[in-house]
């Protein structure tokens, strides 16, 4: 028999306590404990392993076989995953409401023609899913008509019923939308509570590891931008994907915050259209296609996201502070690093920026953390300060140090090769990177600089 007992769970990390606590001893957060009723099994329970019978083996005796990934037929999605979906993996996709999480996974499911899929929705009915599928894939009726491959949909929120549907369909891939709406009979708490999310995630993990069927979970996020639920949920899954973007722009970016089967440096870029998400295989031309070549304060930076070079536009505005206290504002760039670069420019170049407002924006609503855009940020600020536009066919790829030195960046060959392919005339890099390059291979002029003063004289002499 099972009896109910009251516990208190931390909403941040999932720490369990028998009484309410003001401060969580595990994560140190205040006011995060909530009361939940949990059904506790009495007597002995049969312990099952998620991966079958376990037996210690010598590392030399472990046989490793190369696993063939499931291709999603979406190049940007496969890029972020590391080449496709690994069988038996548990993936978690998070993002803001309405950003396109369900659209992305439903569109991916419709693109996989050679496998049987089950789409479980706890938020929408079968009719709503069918309406969206018809908009994304008009020729849906012909899909799977002559083969066993098909997409099955069901609206269900209880895990015991979901596993009954799984037993009947025997899918090759399972999609659950979303984990916050799913409940299990093992726990008496409401849907979305810490114990429900943790227990349901564990059940799907057991299913994925024991059967080899990959499971894709959609998760909600909090107002702070973090995934809702206990932190242990992110530890359980094999990959955590973040789908983000600005509602005022059509771009959507897919990032891997955690990936046990690939790199976390890769990103996938999509454009939201009326008939779904469209891949953007060449983001540089997409982001630089609407540049105004006559205005000051704009510079092009050669950044690197994973293995793919990407060129972005850095926009800056420097003006006199009319309210007494100078303002500093940055969109898509680290505010603390911007303050550091402004101090370097004032100290090394002699510009009195301390009494001026400085605004910085990365065009397209992107967030960039690559230090190779430091030189482009500095040149955009100097261009706006002297009100002289930079040549539109110039780009920059270097990091700035506190003493004003231009530092080298990694994989500069790829950046220069991409700049040459896109038709840029000059690229400013560190002189230490220039020693590694064969300049005859590229159809552009490579300008090596060692100090920020040299770059300023070369641009605004």
Foldseek 3Di string as FASTA:
>chain_A
DKDKAKWKAFQAAGDIDNDDDQADPPPGDGPRIDIFIFIGDDDDDDDDDLQHDDDDDDPVPDDDDDFDAQDLPFVQVCVQQVRHHTFLFEEEEEEAPPLQPVLVVLLSLLSRQPWAEEEEEQPDAPVVSVVLNCLQPVPQVPRQPPHLHDYHYHYDAEVVVVVVVCVVSVTLEYEYHALQRHAYPRTPGHRNDQVRSVVVLVVVSSVSNHPRRYYYHYFYADPVGHTGYHPVSVVSGQWYWYWDADPVAQKIKIFIPHHNNHDRQAIWIWGQDSSGTHGDPAVQCVQPVDDDQFWALKAWEFFDRPPDIHIWIKGKAKAADPVFAAAEEEQQEDRVVVVLLVQLCCVPVVDPRRRIHMYMYTGRRHHDDGQQCSLVNNRSHVRNVVGHHFGPLEHEGFHADNNQFTHADPPVVNSQQVSQVVPRAEYEHAPVVVVVDDVVVGNHHYHHDTGSVVVCVVGPD
